[in-house]
Amino acid sequence: MIGIGTIKLSTAIGYYLNSKAYGSLSYNSQRMYRYNLNSICRTKIDGVTIGNKLLKNITIAICNEMYDTWEAENSTANANHLAKVFSLLMNYHVMLENTHRNPMKYVKKRTSKPRSVIWT
């Protein structure tokens, strides 16, 4: 335990990337998680890079803005995937008692429209 909410998100990501939980993933999963966590860290909300925020200052409202930003910049499917990865990170830090809760779990995720392929 480091101290409730006293670490920045970017530091929290570093702790996760050095954890046994991350180390137990397949190489491809590790690569994708690292990429997605770094993308999450670079997200800007109101001109502030989210990676510079303390865990305790990441609220449900901020998570909603993150989700909306990801959806606007990419797609609903991508936003859902990044929300899942972010939620996994927050749950890891709840387990370590570095934060009290996972605010992303309260964000309403939207369903993405499946791509339909028509063969002619």
PDB file of N, CA and C in Angstrom:
ATOM      1  N   MET A   1       0.846  -1.183   0.000  1.00  0.00           N
ATOM      2  CA  MET A   1       0.000   0.000   0.000  1.00  0.00           C
ATOM      3  C   MET A   1       0.882   1.233   0.000  1.00  0.00           C
ATOM      4  N   ILE A   2       0.587   2.152  -0.873  1.00  0.00           N
ATOM      5  CA  ILE A   2       1.384   3.356  -1.027  1.00  0.00           C
ATOM      6  C   ILE A   2       0.776   4.505  -0.243  1.00  0.00           C
ATOM      7  N   GLY A   3      -0.486   4.614  -0.227  1.00  0.00           N
ATOM      8  CA  GLY A   3      -1.208   5.715   0.404  1.00  0.00           C
ATOM      9  C   GLY A   3      -2.412   6.019  -0.456  1.00  0.00           C
ATOM     10  N   ILE A   4      -3.563   6.083   0.164  1.00  0.00           N
ATOM     11  CA  ILE A   4      -4.794   6.225  -0.593  1.00  0.00           C
ATOM     12  C   ILE A   4      -4.744   7.450  -1.499  1.00  0.00           C
ATOM     13  N   GLY A   5      -4.715   7.186  -2.780  1.00  0.00           N
ATOM     14  CA  GLY A   5      -4.818   8.222  -3.786  1.00  0.00           C
ATOM     15  C   GLY A   5      -3.621   9.148  -3.931  1.00  0.00           C
ATOM     16  N   THR A   6      -2.494   8.811  -3.317  1.00  0.00           N
ATOM     17  CA  THR A   6      -1.356   9.733  -3.351  1.00  0.00           C
ATOM     18  C   THR A   6      -0.441   9.525  -4.551  1.00  0.00           C
ATOM     19  N   ILE A   7      -0.823   8.655  -5.456  1.00  0.00           N
ATOM     20  CA  ILE A   7       0.021   8.439  -6.636  1.00  0.00           C
ATOM     21  C   ILE A   7      -0.708   8.911  -7.888  1.00  0.00           C
ATOM     22  N   LYS A   8       0.079   9.341  -8.852  1.00  0.00           N
ATOM     23  CA  LYS A   8      -0.470   9.762 -10.141  1.00  0.00           C
ATOM     24  C   LYS A   8      -0.856   8.531 -10.952  1.00  0.00           C
ATOM     25  N   LEU A   9      -1.757   8.737 -11.876  1.00  0.00           N
ATOM     26  CA  LEU A   9      -2.183   7.645 -12.747  1.00  0.00           C
ATOM     27  C   LEU A   9      -0.990   7.065 -13.499  1.00  0.00           C
ATOM     28  N   SER A  10      -0.105   7.913 -13.988  1.00  0.00           N
ATOM     29  CA  SER A  10       1.055   7.408 -14.740  1.00  0.00           C
ATOM     30  C   SER A  10       1.912   6.487 -13.873  1.00  0.00           C
ATOM     31  N   THR A  11       2.062   6.806 -12.594  1.00  0.00           N
ATOM     32  CA  THR A  11       2.815   5.957 -11.667  1.00  0.00           C
ATOM     33  C   THR A  11       2.058   4.661 -11.399  1.00  0.00           C
ATOM     34  N   ALA A  12       0.733   4.771 -11.254  1.00  0.00           N
ATOM     35  CA  ALA A  12      -0.108   3.593 -11.025  1.00  0.00           C
ATOM     36  C   ALA A  12       0.013   2.615 -12.193  1.00  0.00           C
ATOM     37  N   ILE A  13       0.104   3.146 -13.408  1.00  0.00           N
ATOM     38  CA  ILE A  13       0.281   2.300 -14.593  1.00  0.00           C
ATOM     39  C   ILE A  13       1.624   1.579 -14.508  1.00  0.00           C
ATOM     40  N   GLY A  14       2.662   2.301 -14.102  1.00  0.00           N
ATOM     41  CA  GLY A  14       3.983   1.690 -13.946  1.00  0.00           C
ATOM     42  C   GLY A  14       3.972   0.548 -12.942  1.00  0.00           C
ATOM     43  N   TYR A  15       3.271   0.739 -11.826  1.00  0.00           N
ATOM     44  CA  TYR A  15       3.168  -0.334 -10.833  1.00  0.00           C
ATOM     45  C   TYR A  15       2.479  -1.562 -11.421  1.00  0.00           C
ATOM     46  N   TYR A  16       1.401  -1.321 -12.185  1.00  0.00           N
ATOM     47  CA  TYR A  16       0.691  -2.447 -12.787  1.00  0.00           C
ATOM     48  C   TYR A  16       1.577  -3.172 -13.798  1.00  0.00           C
ATOM     49  N   LEU A  17       2.311  -2.413 -14.614  1.00  0.00           N
ATOM     50  CA  LEU A  17       3.151  -3.034 -15.640  1.00  0.00           C
ATOM     51  C   LEU A  17       4.303  -3.845 -15.041  1.00  0.00           C
ATOM     52  N   ASN A  18       4.603  -3.627 -13.780  1.00  0.00           N
ATOM     53  CA  ASN A  18       5.639  -4.398 -13.091  1.00  0.00           C
ATOM     54  C   ASN A  18       5.059  -5.442 -12.143  1.00  0.00           C
ATOM     55  N   SER A  19       3.754  -5.684 -12.231  1.00  0.00           N
ATOM     56  CA  SER A  19       3.087  -6.617 -11.317  1.00  0.00           C
ATOM     57  C   SER A  19       3.104  -8.050 -11.842  1.00  0.00           C
ATOM     58  N   LYS A  20       2.852  -8.979 -10.940  1.00  0.00           N
ATOM     59  CA  LYS A  20       2.724 -10.388 -11.337  1.00  0.00           C
ATOM     60  C   LYS A  20       1.488 -10.588 -12.212  1.00  0.00           C
ATOM     61  N   ALA A  21       0.436  -9.827 -11.935  1.00  0.00           N
ATOM     62  CA  ALA A  21      -0.797  -9.945 -12.732  1.00  0.00           C
ATOM     63  C   ALA A  21      -0.509  -9.631 -14.197  1.00  0.00           C
ATOM     64  N   TYR A  22       0.238  -8.570 -14.435  1.00  0.00           N
ATOM     65  CA  TYR A  22       0.598  -8.202 -15.806  1.00  0.00           C
ATOM     66  C   TYR A  22       1.572  -9.224 -16.387  1.00  0.00           C
ATOM     67  N   GLY A  23       2.533  -9.655 -15.590  1.00  0.00           N
ATOM     68  CA  GLY A  23       3.535 -10.617 -16.045  1.00  0.00           C
ATOM     69  C   GLY A  23       2.947 -11.963 -16.433  1.00  0.00           C
ATOM     70  N   SER A  24       1.776 -12.281 -15.883  1.00  0.00           N
ATOM     71  CA  SER A  24       1.156 -13.575 -16.191  1.00  0.00           C
ATOM     72  C   SER A  24       0.393 -13.563 -17.513  1.00  0.00           C
ATOM     73  N   LEU A  25       0.252 -12.386 -18.127  1.00  0.00           N
ATOM     74  CA  LEU A  25      -0.455 -12.291 -19.398  1.00  0.00           C
ATOM     75  C   LEU A  25       0.425 -12.774 -20.548  1.00  0.00           C
ATOM     76  N   SER A  26      -0.192 -13.155 -21.640  1.00  0.00           N
ATOM     77  CA  SER A  26       0.568 -13.545 -22.829  1.00  0.00           C
ATOM     78  C   SER A  26       1.300 -12.320 -23.380  1.00  0.00           C
ATOM     79  N   TYR A  27       2.307 -12.562 -24.196  1.00  0.00           N
ATOM     80  CA  TYR A  27       3.091 -11.473 -24.773  1.00  0.00           C
ATOM     81  C   TYR A  27       2.203 -10.492 -25.533  1.00  0.00           C
ATOM     82  N   ASN A  28       1.290 -11.009 -26.361  1.00  0.00           N
ATOM     83  CA  ASN A  28       0.410 -10.137 -27.144  1.00  0.00           C
ATOM     84  C   ASN A  28      -0.515  -9.323 -26.246  1.00  0.00           C
ATOM     85  N   SER A  29      -1.040  -9.944 -25.197  1.00  0.00           N
ATOM     86  CA  SER A  29      -1.904  -9.216 -24.259  1.00  0.00           C
ATOM     87  C   SER A  29      -1.106  -8.129 -23.547  1.00  0.00           C
ATOM     88  N   GLN A  30       0.113  -8.449 -23.136  1.00  0.00           N
ATOM     89  CA  GLN A  30       0.961  -7.448 -22.484  1.00  0.00           C
ATOM     90  C   GLN A  30       1.195  -6.262 -23.410  1.00  0.00           C
ATOM     91  N   ARG A  31       1.498  -6.546 -24.657  1.00  0.00           N
ATOM     92  CA  ARG A  31       1.759  -5.494 -25.635  1.00  0.00           C
ATOM     93  C   ARG A  31       0.542  -4.583 -25.813  1.00  0.00           C
ATOM     94  N   MET A  32      -0.631  -5.193 -25.935  1.00  0.00           N
ATOM     95  CA  MET A  32      -1.856  -4.414 -26.134  1.00  0.00           C
ATOM     96  C   MET A  32      -2.221  -3.626 -24.874  1.00  0.00           C
ATOM     97  N   TYR A  33      -2.075  -4.230 -23.685  1.00  0.00           N
ATOM     98  CA  TYR A  33      -2.377  -3.519 -22.440  1.00  0.00           C
ATOM     99  C   TYR A  33      -1.445  -2.327 -22.288  1.00  0.00           C
ATOM    100  N   ARG A  34      -0.158  -2.523 -22.549  1.00  0.00           N
ATOM    101  CA  ARG A  34       0.809  -1.424 -22.427  1.00  0.00           C
ATOM    102  C   ARG A  34       0.427  -0.283 -23.386  1.00  0.00           C
ATOM    103  N   TYR A  35       0.124  -0.620 -24.623  1.00  0.00           N
ATOM    104  CA  TYR A  35      -0.274   0.378 -25.614  1.00  0.00           C
ATOM    105  C   TYR A  35      -1.519   1.137 -25.159  1.00  0.00           C
ATOM    106  N   ASN A  36      -2.542   0.391 -24.722  1.00  0.00           N
ATOM    107  CA  ASN A  36      -3.798   1.011 -24.308  1.00  0.00           C
ATOM    108  C   ASN A  36      -3.631   1.847 -23.041  1.00  0.00           C
ATOM    109  N   LEU A  37      -2.854   1.361 -22.083  1.00  0.00           N
ATOM    110  CA  LEU A  37      -2.629   2.128 -20.854  1.00  0.00           C
ATOM    111  C   LEU A  37      -1.876   3.423 -21.154  1.00  0.00           C
ATOM    112  N   ASN A  38      -0.923   3.368 -22.071  1.00  0.00           N
ATOM    113  CA  ASN A  38      -0.214   4.583 -22.459  1.00  0.00           C
ATOM    114  C   ASN A  38      -1.146   5.557 -23.184  1.00  0.00           C
ATOM    115  N   SER A  39      -2.050   5.040 -24.002  1.00  0.00           N
ATOM    116  CA  SER A  39      -3.046   5.894 -24.667  1.00  0.00           C
ATOM    117  C   SER A  39      -3.959   6.558 -23.645  1.00  0.00           C
ATOM    118  N   ILE A  40      -4.389   5.784 -22.665  1.00  0.00           N
ATOM    119  CA  ILE A  40      -5.240   6.320 -21.594  1.00  0.00           C
ATOM    120  C   ILE A  40      -4.504   7.440 -20.867  1.00  0.00           C
ATOM    121  N   CYS A  41      -3.250   7.202 -20.556  1.00  0.00           N
ATOM    122  CA  CYS A  41      -2.423   8.154 -19.818  1.00  0.00           C
ATOM    123  C   CYS A  41      -2.287   9.486 -20.558  1.00  0.00           C
ATOM    124  N   ARG A  42      -2.280   9.444 -21.875  1.00  0.00           N
ATOM    125  CA  ARG A  42      -2.123  10.651 -22.699  1.00  0.00           C
ATOM    126  C   ARG A  42      -3.432  11.393 -22.947  1.00  0.00           C
ATOM    127  N   THR A  43      -4.563  10.827 -22.546  1.00  0.00           N
ATOM    128  CA  THR A  43      -5.864  11.463 -22.755  1.00  0.00           C
ATOM    129  C   THR A  43      -5.897  12.816 -22.049  1.00  0.00           C
ATOM    130  N   LYS A  44      -6.396  13.821 -22.752  1.00  0.00           N
ATOM    131  CA  LYS A  44      -6.506  15.160 -22.150  1.00  0.00           C
ATOM    132  C   LYS A  44      -7.967  15.470 -21.863  1.00  0.00           C
ATOM    133  N   ILE A  45      -8.213  15.904 -20.617  1.00  0.00           N
ATOM    134  CA  ILE A  45      -9.543  16.327 -20.193  1.00  0.00           C
ATOM    135  C   ILE A  45      -9.399  17.749 -19.673  1.00  0.00           C
ATOM    136  N   ASP A  46     -10.119  18.677 -20.283  1.00  0.00           N
ATOM    137  CA  ASP A  46     -10.040  20.095 -19.915  1.00  0.00           C
ATOM    138  C   ASP A  46      -8.601  20.601 -19.938  1.00  0.00           C
ATOM    139  N   GLY A  47      -7.838  20.156 -20.932  1.00  0.00           N
ATOM    140  CA  GLY A  47      -6.468  20.612 -21.100  1.00  0.00           C
ATOM    141  C   GLY A  47      -5.448  19.964 -20.178  1.00  0.00           C
ATOM    142  N   VAL A  48      -5.885  19.035 -19.337  1.00  0.00           N
ATOM    143  CA  VAL A  48      -4.982  18.357 -18.402  1.00  0.00           C
ATOM    144  C   VAL A  48      -4.810  16.905 -18.838  1.00  0.00           C
ATOM    145  N   THR A  49      -3.569  16.477 -18.939  1.00  0.00           N
ATOM    146  CA  THR A  49      -3.297  15.084 -19.282  1.00  0.00           C
ATOM    147  C   THR A  49      -3.681  14.213 -18.098  1.00  0.00           C
ATOM    148  N   ILE A  50      -4.518  13.220 -18.345  1.00  0.00           N
ATOM    149  CA  ILE A  50      -5.073  12.386 -17.271  1.00  0.00           C
ATOM    150  C   ILE A  50      -3.979  11.643 -16.507  1.00  0.00           C
ATOM    151  N   GLY A  51      -2.875  11.339 -17.166  1.00  0.00           N
ATOM    152  CA  GLY A  51      -1.775  10.641 -16.493  1.00  0.00           C
ATOM    153  C   GLY A  51      -1.156  11.440 -15.372  1.00  0.00           C
ATOM    154  N   ASN A  52      -1.354  12.759 -15.361  1.00  0.00           N
ATOM    155  CA  ASN A  52      -0.808  13.613 -14.313  1.00  0.00           C
ATOM    156  C   ASN A  52      -1.744  13.766 -13.117  1.00  0.00           C
ATOM    157  N   LYS A  53      -2.940  13.200 -13.210  1.00  0.00           N
ATOM    158  CA  LYS A  53      -3.906  13.301 -12.103  1.00  0.00           C
ATOM    159  C   LYS A  53      -3.618  12.254 -11.033  1.00  0.00           C
ATOM    160  N   LEU A  54      -3.872  12.626  -9.785  1.00  0.00           N
ATOM    161  CA  LEU A  54      -3.791  11.657  -8.690  1.00  0.00           C
ATOM    162  C   LEU A  54      -4.976  10.713  -8.790  1.00  0.00           C
ATOM    163  N   LEU A  55      -4.784   9.459  -8.391  1.00  0.00           N
ATOM    164  CA  LEU A  55      -5.881   8.483  -8.434  1.00  0.00           C
ATOM    165  C   LEU A  55      -7.106   9.001  -7.690  1.00  0.00           C
ATOM    166  N   LYS A  56      -6.877   9.634  -6.532  1.00  0.00           N
ATOM    167  CA  LYS A  56      -8.007  10.098  -5.721  1.00  0.00           C
ATOM    168  C   LYS A  56      -8.800  11.212  -6.408  1.00  0.00           C
ATOM    169  N   ASN A  57      -8.209  11.877  -7.393  1.00  0.00           N
ATOM    170  CA  ASN A  57      -8.885  12.972  -8.087  1.00  0.00           C
ATOM    171  C   ASN A  57      -9.577  12.538  -9.373  1.00  0.00           C
ATOM    172  N   ILE A  58      -9.522  11.259  -9.696  1.00  0.00           N
ATOM    173  CA  ILE A  58     -10.213  10.751 -10.891  1.00  0.00           C
ATOM    174  C   ILE A  58     -11.624  10.358 -10.468  1.00  0.00           C
ATOM    175  N   THR A  59     -12.572  11.167 -10.895  1.00  0.00           N
ATOM    176  CA  THR A  59     -13.967  11.020 -10.480  1.00  0.00           C
ATOM    177  C   THR A  59     -14.793  10.335 -11.571  1.00  0.00           C
ATOM    178  N   ILE A  60     -16.037  10.058 -11.230  1.00  0.00           N
ATOM    179  CA  ILE A  60     -16.965   9.487 -12.209  1.00  0.00           C
ATOM    180  C   ILE A  60     -17.150  10.472 -13.367  1.00  0.00           C
ATOM    181  N   ALA A  61     -17.265  11.754 -13.057  1.00  0.00           N
ATOM    182  CA  ALA A  61     -17.430  12.774 -14.105  1.00  0.00           C
ATOM    183  C   ALA A  61     -16.228  12.778 -15.044  1.00  0.00           C
ATOM    184  N   ILE A  62     -15.029  12.676 -14.511  1.00  0.00           N
ATOM    185  CA  ILE A  62     -13.824  12.632 -15.348  1.00  0.00           C
ATOM    186  C   ILE A  62     -13.834  11.370 -16.195  1.00  0.00           C
ATOM    187  N   CYS A  63     -14.225  10.257 -15.613  1.00  0.00           N
ATOM    188  CA  CYS A  63     -14.290   9.000 -16.373  1.00  0.00           C
ATOM    189  C   CYS A  63     -15.312   9.101 -17.501  1.00  0.00           C
ATOM    190  N   ASN A  64     -16.436   9.767 -17.255  1.00  0.00           N
ATOM    191  CA  ASN A  64     -17.416   9.989 -18.317  1.00  0.00           C
ATOM    192  C   ASN A  64     -16.815  10.814 -19.445  1.00  0.00           C
ATOM    193  N   GLU A  65     -16.062  11.849 -19.087  1.00  0.00           N
ATOM    194  CA  GLU A  65     -15.411  12.676 -20.112  1.00  0.00           C
ATOM    195  C   GLU A  65     -14.356  11.878 -20.865  1.00  0.00           C
ATOM    196  N   MET A  66     -13.615  11.041 -20.166  1.00  0.00           N
ATOM    197  CA  MET A  66     -12.620  10.196 -20.825  1.00  0.00           C
ATOM    198  C   MET A  66     -13.305   9.300 -21.851  1.00  0.00           C
ATOM    199  N   TYR A  67     -14.368   8.650 -21.422  1.00  0.00           N
ATOM    200  CA  TYR A  67     -15.101   7.737 -22.300  1.00  0.00           C
ATOM    201  C   TYR A  67     -15.621   8.478 -23.537  1.00  0.00           C
ATOM    202  N   ASP A  68     -16.227   9.653 -23.319  1.00  0.00           N
ATOM    203  CA  ASP A  68     -16.757  10.436 -24.437  1.00  0.00           C
ATOM    204  C   ASP A  68     -15.644  10.876 -25.389  1.00  0.00           C
ATOM    205  N   THR A  69     -14.489  11.237 -24.829  1.00  0.00           N
ATOM    206  CA  THR A  69     -13.339  11.632 -25.652  1.00  0.00           C
ATOM    207  C   THR A  69     -12.865  10.464 -26.503  1.00  0.00           C
ATOM    208  N   TRP A  70     -12.721   9.305 -25.895  1.00  0.00           N
ATOM    209  CA  TRP A  70     -12.274   8.121 -26.642  1.00  0.00           C
ATOM    210  C   TRP A  70     -13.261   7.776 -27.754  1.00  0.00           C
ATOM    211  N   GLU A  71     -14.540   7.885 -27.442  1.00  0.00           N
ATOM    212  CA  GLU A  71     -15.556   7.560 -28.447  1.00  0.00           C
ATOM    213  C   GLU A  71     -15.512   8.555 -29.601  1.00  0.00           C
ATOM    214  N   ALA A  72     -15.358   9.846 -29.281  1.00  0.00           N
ATOM    215  CA  ALA A  72     -15.320  10.876 -30.324  1.00  0.00           C
ATOM    216  C   ALA A  72     -14.068  10.762 -31.184  1.00  0.00           C
ATOM    217  N   GLU A  73     -12.942  10.410 -30.562  1.00  0.00           N
ATOM    218  CA  GLU A  73     -11.680  10.318 -31.299  1.00  0.00           C
ATOM    219  C   GLU A  73     -11.550   9.039 -32.107  1.00  0.00           C
ATOM    220  N   ASN A  74     -12.217   7.980 -31.682  1.00  0.00           N
ATOM    221  CA  ASN A  74     -12.072   6.687 -32.361  1.00  0.00           C
ATOM    222  C   ASN A  74     -13.418   6.078 -32.681  1.00  0.00           C
ATOM    223  N   SER A  75     -13.946   5.306 -31.751  1.00  0.00           N
ATOM    224  CA  SER A  75     -15.223   4.634 -31.975  1.00  0.00           C
ATOM    225  C   SER A  75     -15.783   4.173 -30.628  1.00  0.00           C
ATOM    226  N   THR A  76     -17.033   3.770 -30.640  1.00  0.00           N
ATOM    227  CA  THR A  76     -17.651   3.244 -29.426  1.00  0.00           C
ATOM    228  C   THR A  76     -16.945   1.969 -28.992  1.00  0.00           C
ATOM    229  N   ALA A  77     -16.616   1.109 -29.928  1.00  0.00           N
ATOM    230  CA  ALA A  77     -15.925  -0.143 -29.595  1.00  0.00           C
ATOM    231  C   ALA A  77     -14.575   0.148 -28.937  1.00  0.00           C
ATOM    232  N   ASN A  78     -13.841   1.120 -29.457  1.00  0.00           N
ATOM    233  CA  ASN A  78     -12.553   1.487 -28.875  1.00  0.00           C
ATOM    234  C   ASN A  78     -12.741   2.082 -27.487  1.00  0.00           C
ATOM    235  N   ALA A  79     -13.738   2.940 -27.322  1.00  0.00           N
ATOM    236  CA  ALA A  79     -14.018   3.536 -26.020  1.00  0.00           C
ATOM    237  C   ALA A  79     -14.347   2.453 -24.995  1.00  0.00           C
ATOM    238  N   ASN A  80     -15.130   1.464 -25.409  1.00  0.00           N
ATOM    239  CA  ASN A  80     -15.481   0.357 -24.507  1.00  0.00           C
ATOM    240  C   ASN A  80     -14.241  -0.439 -24.124  1.00  0.00           C
ATOM    241  N   HIS A  81     -13.351  -0.652 -25.073  1.00  0.00           N
ATOM    242  CA  HIS A  81     -12.131  -1.410 -24.795  1.00  0.00           C
ATOM    243  C   HIS A  81     -11.221  -0.632 -23.839  1.00  0.00           C
ATOM    244  N   LEU A  82     -11.019   0.657 -24.088  1.00  0.00           N
ATOM    245  CA  LEU A  82     -10.179   1.461 -23.203  1.00  0.00           C
ATOM    246  C   LEU A  82     -10.790   1.556 -21.808  1.00  0.00           C
ATOM    247  N   ALA A  83     -12.115   1.655 -21.732  1.00  0.00           N
ATOM    248  CA  ALA A  83     -12.788   1.691 -20.428  1.00  0.00           C
ATOM    249  C   ALA A  83     -12.548   0.390 -19.670  1.00  0.00           C
ATOM    250  N   LYS A  84     -12.566  -0.721 -20.377  1.00  0.00           N
ATOM    251  CA  LYS A  84     -12.322  -2.031 -19.755  1.00  0.00           C
ATOM    252  C   LYS A  84     -10.896  -2.103 -19.206  1.00  0.00           C
ATOM    253  N   VAL A  85      -9.927  -1.661 -19.987  1.00  0.00           N
ATOM    254  CA  VAL A  85      -8.527  -1.700 -19.565  1.00  0.00           C
ATOM    255  C   VAL A  85      -8.310  -0.748 -18.384  1.00  0.00           C
ATOM    256  N   PHE A  86      -8.902   0.449 -18.452  1.00  0.00           N
ATOM    257  CA  PHE A  86      -8.779   1.405 -17.356  1.00  0.00           C
ATOM    258  C   PHE A  86      -9.414   0.840 -16.085  1.00  0.00           C
ATOM    259  N   SER A  87     -10.557   0.203 -16.230  1.00  0.00           N
ATOM    260  CA  SER A  87     -11.254  -0.398 -15.102  1.00  0.00           C
ATOM    261  C   SER A  87     -10.412  -1.496 -14.455  1.00  0.00           C
ATOM    262  N   LEU A  88      -9.757  -2.291 -15.277  1.00  0.00           N
ATOM    263  CA  LEU A  88      -8.871  -3.340 -14.771  1.00  0.00           C
ATOM    264  C   LEU A  88      -7.751  -2.722 -13.935  1.00  0.00           C
ATOM    265  N   LEU A  89      -7.161  -1.635 -14.434  1.00  0.00           N
ATOM    266  CA  LEU A  89      -6.101  -0.939 -13.707  1.00  0.00           C
ATOM    267  C   LEU A  89      -6.618  -0.413 -12.368  1.00  0.00           C
ATOM    268  N   MET A  90      -7.779   0.218 -12.383  1.00  0.00           N
ATOM    269  CA  MET A  90      -8.333   0.777 -11.148  1.00  0.00           C
ATOM    270  C   MET A  90      -8.686  -0.325 -10.152  1.00  0.00           C
ATOM    271  N   ASN A  91      -9.240  -1.437 -10.638  1.00  0.00           N
ATOM    272  CA  ASN A  91      -9.549  -2.559  -9.744  1.00  0.00           C
ATOM    273  C   ASN A  91      -8.278  -3.111  -9.104  1.00  0.00           C
ATOM    274  N   TYR A  92      -7.200  -3.154  -9.864  1.00  0.00           N
ATOM    275  CA  TYR A  92      -5.909  -3.603  -9.335  1.00  0.00           C
ATOM    276  C   TYR A  92      -5.480  -2.699  -8.174  1.00  0.00           C
ATOM    277  N   HIS A  93      -5.643  -1.394  -8.336  1.00  0.00           N
ATOM    278  CA  HIS A  93      -5.227  -0.467  -7.286  1.00  0.00           C
ATOM    279  C   HIS A  93      -6.215  -0.403  -6.121  1.00  0.00           C
ATOM    280  N   VAL A  94      -7.470  -0.734  -6.344  1.00  0.00           N
ATOM    281  CA  VAL A  94      -8.412  -0.894  -5.234  1.00  0.00           C
ATOM    282  C   VAL A  94      -7.972  -2.091  -4.389  1.00  0.00           C
ATOM    283  N   MET A  95      -7.590  -3.170  -5.057  1.00  0.00           N
ATOM    284  CA  MET A  95      -7.122  -4.376  -4.367  1.00  0.00           C
ATOM    285  C   MET A  95      -5.885  -4.071  -3.519  1.00  0.00           C
ATOM    286  N   LEU A  96      -4.994  -3.214  -4.018  1.00  0.00           N
ATOM    287  CA  LEU A  96      -3.777  -2.846  -3.281  1.00  0.00           C
ATOM    288  C   LEU A  96      -4.035  -1.767  -2.234  1.00  0.00           C
ATOM    289  N   GLU A  97      -5.269  -1.288  -2.189  1.00  0.00           N
ATOM    290  CA  GLU A  97      -5.686  -0.216  -1.281  1.00  0.00           C
ATOM    291  C   GLU A  97      -4.972   1.103  -1.568  1.00  0.00           C
ATOM    292  N   ASN A  98      -4.684   1.346  -2.841  1.00  0.00           N
ATOM    293  CA  ASN A  98      -4.110   2.619  -3.266  1.00  0.00           C
ATOM    294  C   ASN A  98      -5.196   3.634  -3.593  1.00  0.00           C
ATOM    295  N   THR A  99      -6.417   3.156  -3.736  1.00  0.00           N
ATOM    296  CA  THR A  99      -7.579   4.010  -3.961  1.00  0.00           C
ATOM    297  C   THR A  99      -8.794   3.274  -3.404  1.00  0.00           C
ATOM    298  N   HIS A 100      -9.861   4.042  -3.144  1.00  0.00           N
ATOM    299  CA  HIS A 100     -11.050   3.451  -2.518  1.00  0.00           C
ATOM    300  C   HIS A 100     -12.001   2.785  -3.504  1.00  0.00           C
ATOM    301  N   ARG A 101     -12.048   3.308  -4.735  1.00  0.00           N
ATOM    302  CA  ARG A 101     -13.048   2.778  -5.664  1.00  0.00           C
ATOM    303  C   ARG A 101     -12.603   2.948  -7.107  1.00  0.00           C
ATOM    304  N   ASN A 102     -13.334   2.294  -7.965  1.00  0.00           N
ATOM    305  CA  ASN A 102     -13.104   2.355  -9.403  1.00  0.00           C
ATOM    306  C   ASN A 102     -14.229   3.191 -10.019  1.00  0.00           C
ATOM    307  N   PRO A 103     -13.980   4.468 -10.308  1.00  0.00           N
ATOM    308  CA  PRO A 103     -15.056   5.315 -10.837  1.00  0.00           C
ATOM    309  C   PRO A 103     -15.521   4.921 -12.236  1.00  0.00           C
ATOM    310  N   MET A 104     -14.693   4.209 -12.986  1.00  0.00           N
ATOM    311  CA  MET A 104     -15.078   3.814 -14.345  1.00  0.00           C
ATOM    312  C   MET A 104     -16.234   2.820 -14.322  1.00  0.00           C
ATOM    313  N   LYS A 105     -16.394   2.076 -13.241  1.00  0.00           N
ATOM    314  CA  LYS A 105     -17.469   1.086 -13.225  1.00  0.00           C
ATOM    315  C   LYS A 105     -18.849   1.731 -13.199  1.00  0.00           C
ATOM    316  N   TYR A 106     -18.919   3.019 -12.914  1.00  0.00           N
ATOM    317  CA  TYR A 106     -20.197   3.725 -12.876  1.00  0.00           C
ATOM    318  C   TYR A 106     -20.532   4.413 -14.200  1.00  0.00           C
ATOM    319  N   VAL A 107     -19.618   4.349 -15.154  1.00  0.00           N
ATOM    320  CA  VAL A 107     -19.840   4.986 -16.458  1.00  0.00           C
ATOM    321  C   VAL A 107     -20.694   4.066 -17.327  1.00  0.00           C
ATOM    322  N   LYS A 108     -21.754   4.626 -17.875  1.00  0.00           N
ATOM    323  CA  LYS A 108     -22.644   3.863 -18.754  1.00  0.00           C
ATOM    324  C   LYS A 108     -21.964   3.696 -20.109  1.00  0.00           C
ATOM    325  N   LYS A 109     -21.680   2.459 -20.448  1.00  0.00           N
ATOM    326  CA  LYS A 109     -21.057   2.160 -21.746  1.00  0.00           C
ATOM    327  C   LYS A 109     -22.150   2.008 -22.799  1.00  0.00           C
ATOM    328  N   ARG A 110     -21.841   2.457 -23.991  1.00  0.00           N
ATOM    329  CA  ARG A 110     -22.788   2.336 -25.093  1.00  0.00           C
ATOM    330  C   ARG A 110     -22.442   1.098 -25.925  1.00  0.00           C
ATOM    331  N   THR A 111     -23.425   0.590 -26.611  1.00  0.00           N
ATOM    332  CA  THR A 111     -23.161  -0.567 -27.466  1.00  0.00           C
ATOM    333  C   THR A 111     -22.710  -0.066 -28.826  1.00  0.00           C
ATOM    334  N   SER A 112     -21.755  -0.777 -29.377  1.00  0.00           N
ATOM    335  CA  SER A 112     -21.249  -0.387 -30.692  1.00  0.00           C
ATOM    336  C   SER A 112     -22.020  -1.131 -31.762  1.00  0.00           C
ATOM    337  N   LYS A 113     -22.138  -0.481 -32.899  1.00  0.00           N
ATOM    338  CA  LYS A 113     -22.825  -1.106 -34.027  1.00  0.00           C
ATOM    339  C   LYS A 113     -21.867  -2.086 -34.680  1.00  0.00           C
ATOM    340  N   PRO A 114     -22.259  -3.337 -34.770  1.00  0.00           N
ATOM    341  CA  PRO A 114     -21.367  -4.306 -35.413  1.00  0.00           C
ATOM    342  C   PRO A 114     -21.197  -3.983 -36.890  1.00  0.00           C
ATOM    343  N   ARG A 115     -20.010  -4.208 -37.333  1.00  0.00           N
ATOM    344  CA  ARG A 115     -19.724  -4.009 -38.746  1.00  0.00           C
ATOM    345  C   ARG A 115     -20.358  -5.129 -39.542  1.00  0.00           C
ATOM    346  N   SER A 116     -21.062  -4.788 -40.578  1.00  0.00           N
ATOM    347  CA  SER A 116     -21.620  -5.851 -41.420  1.00  0.00           C
ATOM    348  C   SER A 116     -20.856  -5.877 -42.739  1.00  0.00           C
ATOM    349  N   VAL A 117     -20.464  -7.040 -43.090  1.00  0.00           N
ATOM    350  CA  VAL A 117     -19.711  -7.225 -44.329  1.00  0.00           C
ATOM    351  C   VAL A 117     -20.629  -7.902 -45.338  1.00  0.00           C
ATOM    352  N   ILE A 118     -20.759  -7.274 -46.482  1.00  0.00           N
ATOM    353  CA  ILE A 118     -21.588  -7.853 -47.540  1.00  0.00           C
ATOM    354  C   ILE A 118     -20.678  -8.302 -48.657  1.00  0.00           C
ATOM    355  N   TRP A 119     -20.703  -9.596 -48.911  1.00  0.00           N
ATOM    356  CA  TRP A 119     -19.884 -10.167 -49.984  1.00  0.00           C
ATOM    357  C   TRP A 119     -20.695 -10.193 -51.264  1.00  0.00           C
ATOM    358  N   THR A 120     -20.069  -9.763 -52.327  1.00  0.00           N
ATOM    359  CA  THR A 120     -20.796  -9.787 -53.606  1.00  0.00           C
ATOM    360  C   THR A 120     -20.083 -10.680 -54.595  1.00  0.00           C
TER     361      THR A 120
END
